[in-house]
Amino acid sequence: MVEVLELLFKDKGFEVVSADASKSALNFLEKQKFDLMITDINMPGMSGIDLGLEVRKKNTLMPIILFTGQINKFKDYKSSLDKIGNAYYIESKDLDELLKTIKKIFPKI
C-alpha cells in the first residue's frame, strides 16, 4: 500500500517521503518538516495511533490522516483519535476518499 500511495501522490505532483514502519517515520519527522502525515493504523512496531500520539508531542499543527480497512474497530480507536487532535480518520482504503480528505485539509490543492 505504501508504494501505491507514493506513486499516486507523486503522479499528482506531491513531494512524498514514505516509511515502512513507525520508527522510520519518526526518524524522518525529526529531520524534516512535513505538511501532512498519512498512516495506516496497523503497522509493524507501534500502531498508527501510537505514532500519531508520539508526533503530537513535538508537532501539534501537522494534520494526520489515519486509515484502516478494519472498519469494525472504529469504536476502539475513537478515544485515541480525539487525543491526537487535528486528525482525520478514514474507515477504508479507498484512495478517492483519501484524496477528498486531503482536499478538505488543503482546499487550494
C-alpha atoms as a PDB file:
ATOM      1  CA  MET A   1       0.000   0.000   0.000  1.00  0.00           C
ATOM      2  CA  VAL A   2       2.913   2.345   0.734  1.00  0.00           C
ATOM      3  CA  GLU A   3       4.162   2.044  -2.842  1.00  0.00           C
ATOM      4  CA  VAL A   4       0.668   2.606  -4.278  1.00  0.00           C
ATOM      5  CA  LEU A   5       0.178   5.778  -2.240  1.00  0.00           C
ATOM      6  CA  GLU A   6       3.652   7.020  -3.087  1.00  0.00           C
ATOM      7  CA  LEU A   7       3.025   6.609  -6.823  1.00  0.00           C
ATOM      8  CA  LEU A   8      -0.448   8.148  -6.595  1.00  0.00           C
ATOM      9  CA  PHE A   9       0.749  11.274  -4.813  1.00  0.00           C
ATOM     10  CA  LYS A  10       3.872  11.729  -6.909  1.00  0.00           C
ATOM     11  CA  ASP A  11       1.698  11.440 -10.020  1.00  0.00           C
ATOM     12  CA  LYS A  12      -0.493  14.239  -8.605  1.00  0.00           C
ATOM     13  CA  GLY A  13       2.577  16.441  -8.094  1.00  0.00           C
ATOM     14  CA  PHE A  14       3.122  15.972  -4.355  1.00  0.00           C
ATOM     15  CA  GLU A  15       6.534  15.559  -2.768  1.00  0.00           C
ATOM     16  CA  VAL A  16       6.454  12.251  -0.921  1.00  0.00           C
ATOM     17  CA  VAL A  17       8.592  10.621   1.725  1.00  0.00           C
ATOM     18  CA  SER A  18       7.487   7.137   2.674  1.00  0.00           C
ATOM     19  CA  ALA A  19       8.324   4.936   5.613  1.00  0.00           C
ATOM     20  CA  ASP A  20       7.589   1.263   6.034  1.00  0.00           C
ATOM     21  CA  ALA A  21       7.318   1.397   9.839  1.00  0.00           C
ATOM     22  CA  SER A  22       6.605   3.877  12.621  1.00  0.00           C
ATOM     23  CA  LYS A  23      10.221   4.059  13.731  1.00  0.00           C
ATOM     24  CA  SER A  24      11.324   5.130  10.253  1.00  0.00           C
ATOM     25  CA  ALA A  25       8.535   7.714  10.124  1.00  0.00           C
ATOM     26  CA  LEU A  26       9.644   9.205  13.451  1.00  0.00           C
ATOM     27  CA  ASN A  27      13.225   9.439  12.156  1.00  0.00           C
ATOM     28  CA  PHE A  28      12.040  11.367   9.076  1.00  0.00           C
ATOM     29  CA  LEU A  29       9.878  13.650  11.209  1.00  0.00           C
ATOM     30  CA  GLU A  30      12.843  14.542  13.424  1.00  0.00           C
ATOM     31  CA  LYS A  31      14.912  15.610  10.423  1.00  0.00           C
ATOM     32  CA  GLN A  32      12.361  17.376   8.239  1.00  0.00           C
ATOM     33  CA  LYS A  33       9.150  19.395   8.410  1.00  0.00           C
ATOM     34  CA  PHE A  34       6.099  17.938   6.667  1.00  0.00           C
ATOM     35  CA  ASP A  35       2.704  19.389   5.759  1.00  0.00           C
ATOM     36  CA  LEU A  36       0.770  16.151   6.280  1.00  0.00           C
ATOM     37  CA  MET A  37       1.205  12.641   7.602  1.00  0.00           C
ATOM     38  CA  ILE A  38      -0.821   9.696   6.321  1.00  0.00           C
ATOM     39  CA  THR A  39      -0.550   6.471   8.262  1.00  0.00           C
ATOM     40  CA  ASP A  40      -2.254   3.147   8.474  1.00  0.00           C
ATOM     41  CA  ILE A  41      -3.458   2.288  11.943  1.00  0.00           C
ATOM     42  CA  ASN A  42      -1.999  -1.210  11.697  1.00  0.00           C
ATOM     43  CA  MET A  43       1.762  -1.134  11.152  1.00  0.00           C
ATOM     44  CA  PRO A  44       4.814  -3.086  12.270  1.00  0.00           C
ATOM     45  CA  GLY A  45       6.181  -1.879  15.581  1.00  0.00           C
ATOM     46  CA  MET A  46       3.963   0.803  17.033  1.00  0.00           C
ATOM     47  CA  SER A  47       0.475   1.386  15.673  1.00  0.00           C
ATOM     48  CA  GLY A  48      -0.541   4.426  13.647  1.00  0.00           C
ATOM     49  CA  ILE A  49      -2.446   5.650  16.705  1.00  0.00           C
ATOM     50  CA  ASP A  50       0.694   5.457  18.848  1.00  0.00           C
ATOM     51  CA  LEU A  51       2.674   7.108  16.056  1.00  0.00           C
ATOM     52  CA  GLY A  52       0.142   9.956  15.966  1.00  0.00           C
ATOM     53  CA  LEU A  53       0.388  10.386  19.736  1.00  0.00           C
ATOM     54  CA  GLU A  54       4.215  10.475  19.508  1.00  0.00           C
ATOM     55  CA  VAL A  55       4.105  13.034  16.703  1.00  0.00           C
ATOM     56  CA  ARG A  56       1.783  15.252  18.760  1.00  0.00           C
ATOM     57  CA  LYS A  57       4.427  15.557  21.479  1.00  0.00           C
ATOM     58  CA  LYS A  58       6.560  17.619  19.074  1.00  0.00           C
ATOM     59  CA  ASN A  59       4.253  18.797  16.293  1.00  0.00           C
ATOM     60  CA  THR A  60       0.808  19.947  17.288  1.00  0.00           C
ATOM     61  CA  LEU A  61      -0.165  21.513  13.965  1.00  0.00           C
ATOM     62  CA  MET A  62       0.530  18.956  11.237  1.00  0.00           C
ATOM     63  CA  PRO A  63      -2.655  17.239  10.073  1.00  0.00           C
ATOM     64  CA  ILE A  64      -2.605  13.468  10.373  1.00  0.00           C
ATOM     65  CA  ILE A  65      -4.748  11.117   8.337  1.00  0.00           C
ATOM     66  CA  LEU A  66      -5.209   7.662   9.825  1.00  0.00           C
ATOM     67  CA  PHE A  67      -6.828   4.989   7.754  1.00  0.00           C
ATOM     68  CA  THR A  68      -7.647   1.338   8.071  1.00  0.00           C
ATOM     69  CA  GLY A  69      -9.511  -1.418   6.335  1.00  0.00           C
ATOM     70  CA  GLN A  70     -10.770  -2.615   9.729  1.00  0.00           C
ATOM     71  CA  ILE A  71     -13.995  -0.633   9.783  1.00  0.00           C
ATOM     72  CA  ASN A  72     -15.447  -2.582  12.686  1.00  0.00           C
ATOM     73  CA  LYS A  73     -12.698  -1.354  15.026  1.00  0.00           C
ATOM     74  CA  PHE A  74     -13.556   2.369  14.830  1.00  0.00           C
ATOM     75  CA  LYS A  75     -15.003   2.367  18.366  1.00  0.00           C
ATOM     76  CA  ASP A  76     -11.688   1.016  19.663  1.00  0.00           C
ATOM     77  CA  TYR A  77      -9.820   3.935  18.060  1.00  0.00           C
ATOM     78  CA  LYS A  78     -12.229   6.827  18.776  1.00  0.00           C
ATOM     79  CA  SER A  79     -10.864   7.913  22.179  1.00  0.00           C
ATOM     80  CA  SER A  80      -7.270   7.769  20.933  1.00  0.00           C
ATOM     81  CA  LEU A  81      -8.135   9.777  17.829  1.00  0.00           C
ATOM     82  CA  ASP A  82      -9.570  12.534  19.989  1.00  0.00           C
ATOM     83  CA  LYS A  83      -6.271  12.689  21.909  1.00  0.00           C
ATOM     84  CA  ILE A  84      -4.263  13.071  18.698  1.00  0.00           C
ATOM     85  CA  GLY A  85      -6.198  16.134  17.575  1.00  0.00           C
ATOM     86  CA  ASN A  86      -6.154  17.594  14.051  1.00  0.00           C
ATOM     87  CA  ALA A  87      -6.537  14.006  12.875  1.00  0.00           C
ATOM     88  CA  TYR A  88      -8.790  12.610  10.194  1.00  0.00           C
ATOM     89  CA  TYR A  89      -9.988   9.045  10.147  1.00  0.00           C
ATOM     90  CA  ILE A  90     -10.863   7.084   7.029  1.00  0.00           C
ATOM     91  CA  GLU A  91     -12.619   3.769   7.546  1.00  0.00           C
ATOM     92  CA  SER A  92     -11.454   2.197   4.327  1.00  0.00           C
ATOM     93  CA  LYS A  93      -8.514   2.096   1.990  1.00  0.00           C
ATOM     94  CA  ASP A  94     -10.473   3.924  -0.700  1.00  0.00           C
ATOM     95  CA  LEU A  95      -7.989   6.191  -2.489  1.00  0.00           C
ATOM     96  CA  ASP A  96     -10.740   8.556  -3.672  1.00  0.00           C
ATOM     97  CA  GLU A  97     -11.839   9.041  -0.065  1.00  0.00           C
ATOM     98  CA  LEU A  98      -8.243   9.734   0.905  1.00  0.00           C
ATOM     99  CA  LEU A  99      -7.897  12.380  -1.821  1.00  0.00           C
ATOM    100  CA  LYS A 100     -11.214  14.010  -0.760  1.00  0.00           C
ATOM    101  CA  THR A 101      -9.940  14.223   2.813  1.00  0.00           C
ATOM    102  CA  ILE A 102      -6.705  15.862   1.652  1.00  0.00           C
ATOM    103  CA  LYS A 103      -8.722  18.399  -0.344  1.00  0.00           C
ATOM    104  CA  LYS A 104     -10.734  19.217   2.809  1.00  0.00           C
ATOM    105  CA  ILE A 105      -7.489  19.875   4.682  1.00  0.00           C
ATOM    106  CA  PHE A 106      -5.876  21.799   1.814  1.00  0.00           C
ATOM    107  CA  PRO A 107      -8.742  23.281  -0.250  1.00  0.00           C
ATOM    108  CA  LYS A 108      -6.404  25.076  -2.676  1.00  0.00           C
ATOM    109  CA  ILE A 109      -4.970  21.799  -3.979  1.00  0.00           C
END
